[in-house]
Amino acid sequence: MIIYDLKCENGHAFEGWFKDRQAWLVQKAQKLVTCPACNSANVEIVPSSITIMGKNARADNNAERREISPLKALQLLHEYIDKNFEDVGDKFAEVALKIHSGEEDKRNIKGTTTSQEEKNLKEEGIEFIKIPVLKMDS
């Protein structure tokens, strides 16, 4: 799933959720993406920045926001995954299939797969995402 920040010809900003970039292009070409405020189909993607809101921030224009770099966002994501996902190593596909079939309890897992294992998981309807591994210089 990909989320785009969008803006119509009248300046109304909103989000659009799409399966992938191709889905955005197809829906835009067919004028299926319209502004929720004015119903204009003349909609474009606008640049966005990553925003982190604190736990106590309100979701309005007065909320204090802190912009971060994409690298920092990726670092934060990896920290979250390290704390909240079980590392099953190269057994990811095997464990994911067992969880999907009910042989193992549902839980967050991380690990590695081969291209063929990824293809098999997709064929089984098992959703997963690939996240690049950070190589940090110390």
Protein backbone atom coordinates (compact mmCIF):
# COMPACT_ATOMS: atom_id res chain seq x y z
CA MET A 1 0.00 0.00 0.00
CA ILE A 2 1.28 3.45 -0.89
CA ILE A 3 -0.09 6.74 0.41
CA TYR A 4 0.22 9.87 -1.71
CA ASP A 5 -0.39 13.47 -0.68
CA LEU A 6 -2.69 14.87 -3.35
CA LYS A 7 -3.99 18.30 -4.30
CA CYS A 8 -6.77 19.28 -6.69
CA GLU A 9 -6.78 22.22 -9.10
CA ASN A 10 -8.65 24.26 -6.46
CA GLY A 11 -5.91 23.79 -3.86
CA HIS A 12 -7.66 21.23 -1.64
CA ALA A 13 -5.14 18.80 -0.12
CA PHE A 14 -5.97 15.19 0.77
CA GLU A 15 -4.47 11.68 0.89
CA GLY A 16 -4.93 8.87 -1.58
CA TRP A 17 -4.19 5.21 -0.80
CA PHE A 18 -3.20 2.97 -3.69
CA LYS A 19 -1.94 -0.57 -4.17
CA ASP A 20 1.09 0.75 -6.05
CA ARG A 21 2.14 3.55 -8.43
CA GLN A 22 0.53 1.78 -11.39
CA ALA A 23 -2.83 1.76 -9.59
CA TRP A 24 -2.51 5.53 -9.07
CA LEU A 25 -1.75 6.07 -12.77
CA VAL A 26 -4.66 3.91 -13.94
CA GLN A 27 -7.18 5.48 -11.54
CA LYS A 28 -6.01 9.01 -12.39
CA ALA A 29 -6.27 8.32 -16.15
CA GLN A 30 -9.82 7.01 -15.67
CA LYS A 31 -10.66 10.09 -13.55
CA LEU A 32 -11.53 7.84 -10.59
CA VAL A 33 -9.50 9.96 -8.16
CA THR A 34 -11.51 13.02 -7.18
CA CYS A 35 -11.20 15.70 -4.54
CA PRO A 36 -13.44 14.98 -1.54
CA ALA A 37 -14.09 18.72 -1.10
CA CYS A 38 -15.02 19.84 -4.64
CA ASN A 39 -15.16 16.59 -6.65
CA SER A 40 -12.54 17.81 -9.14
CA ALA A 41 -10.80 15.02 -11.05
CA ASN A 42 -7.86 17.31 -11.89
CA VAL A 43 -5.64 15.92 -9.11
CA GLU A 44 -1.85 15.75 -8.79
CA ILE A 45 0.65 14.25 -6.36
CA VAL A 46 2.36 16.89 -4.22
CA PRO A 47 5.72 16.50 -2.47
CA SER A 48 5.44 15.44 1.13
CA SER A 49 7.75 15.32 4.09
CA ILE A 50 7.80 12.71 6.79
CA THR A 51 6.19 14.01 9.94
CA ILE A 52 6.41 12.52 13.42
CA MET A 53 3.79 13.59 15.95
CA GLY A 54 4.34 13.11 19.64
CA LYS A 55 1.99 10.98 21.73
CA ASN A 56 0.30 14.05 23.19
CA ALA A 57 0.01 15.98 19.92
CA ARG A 58 -3.49 16.72 18.69
CA ALA A 59 -4.29 15.92 15.08
CA ASP A 60 -4.99 19.49 14.08
CA ASN A 61 -3.09 22.36 12.56
CA ASN A 62 -1.87 23.50 15.99
CA ALA A 63 -0.09 20.21 16.72
CA GLU A 64 3.66 20.49 17.15
CA ARG A 65 5.40 18.54 14.42
CA ARG A 66 9.00 17.55 13.83
CA GLU A 67 10.19 16.75 10.32
CA ILE A 68 12.84 14.06 9.97
CA SER A 69 14.98 12.78 7.13
CA PRO A 70 14.05 9.59 5.27
CA LEU A 71 17.19 7.92 6.67
CA LYS A 72 16.15 8.77 10.25
CA ALA A 73 12.63 7.46 9.54
CA LEU A 74 14.10 4.20 8.29
CA GLN A 75 16.29 3.98 11.41
CA LEU A 76 13.21 4.48 13.63
CA LEU A 77 11.34 1.82 11.67
CA HIS A 78 14.18 -0.66 12.15
CA GLU A 79 14.30 0.10 15.89
CA TYR A 80 10.56 -0.59 16.13
CA ILE A 81 10.87 -3.83 14.17
CA ASP A 82 13.82 -4.99 16.30
CA LYS A 83 11.77 -4.46 19.48
CA ASN A 84 8.44 -5.85 18.25
CA PHE A 85 9.16 -8.64 15.73
CA GLU A 86 10.58 -12.12 16.27
CA ASP A 87 13.62 -12.82 14.07
CA VAL A 88 13.09 -16.19 12.36
CA GLY A 89 16.08 -15.74 10.04
CA ASP A 90 16.02 -17.72 6.82
CA LYS A 91 12.95 -19.64 8.01
CA PHE A 92 10.69 -16.63 7.31
CA ALA A 93 8.70 -18.27 4.50
CA GLU A 94 8.27 -21.52 6.43
CA VAL A 95 7.08 -19.77 9.60
CA ALA A 96 4.83 -17.38 7.66
CA LEU A 97 3.12 -20.34 5.97
CA LYS A 98 2.61 -22.06 9.33
CA ILE A 99 1.12 -18.91 10.85
CA HIS A 100 -1.11 -18.45 7.80
CA SER A 101 -2.39 -22.04 8.00
CA GLY A 102 -2.97 -21.84 11.77
CA GLU A 103 -0.21 -24.30 12.69
CA GLU A 104 1.52 -21.57 14.74
CA ASP A 105 0.21 -18.63 16.75
CA LYS A 106 -0.13 -15.30 14.96
CA ARG A 107 2.73 -12.95 15.73
CA ASN A 108 5.01 -10.40 14.14
CA ILE A 109 8.00 -12.01 12.45
CA LYS A 110 10.98 -10.82 10.45
CA GLY A 111 13.58 -12.66 8.45
CA THR A 112 14.90 -13.34 4.98
CA THR A 113 13.55 -15.12 1.92
CA THR A 114 14.67 -16.19 -1.51
CA SER A 115 12.95 -14.86 -4.63
CA GLN A 116 11.19 -18.21 -5.04
CA GLU A 117 9.96 -18.17 -1.43
CA GLU A 118 8.58 -14.65 -1.95
CA LYS A 119 6.74 -15.85 -5.06
CA ASN A 120 5.28 -18.81 -3.13
CA LEU A 121 4.13 -16.54 -0.27
CA LYS A 122 2.39 -14.21 -2.75
CA GLU A 123 0.69 -17.18 -4.44
CA GLU A 124 -0.61 -18.30 -1.04
CA GLY A 125 -2.01 -14.82 -0.40
CA ILE A 126 0.37 -14.08 2.45
CA GLU A 127 1.05 -10.37 2.78
CA PHE A 128 4.54 -9.19 3.69
CA ILE A 129 6.73 -6.21 3.03
CA LYS A 130 10.41 -5.97 2.24
CA ILE A 131 12.34 -3.35 4.17
CA PRO A 132 15.90 -2.47 3.17
CA VAL A 133 18.60 -3.40 5.64
CA LEU A 134 20.58 -0.42 6.88
CA LYS A 135 24.36 -0.65 6.71
CA MET A 136 25.59 2.07 9.05
CA ASP A 137 29.17 3.30 9.19
CA SER A 138 30.35 3.59 12.77
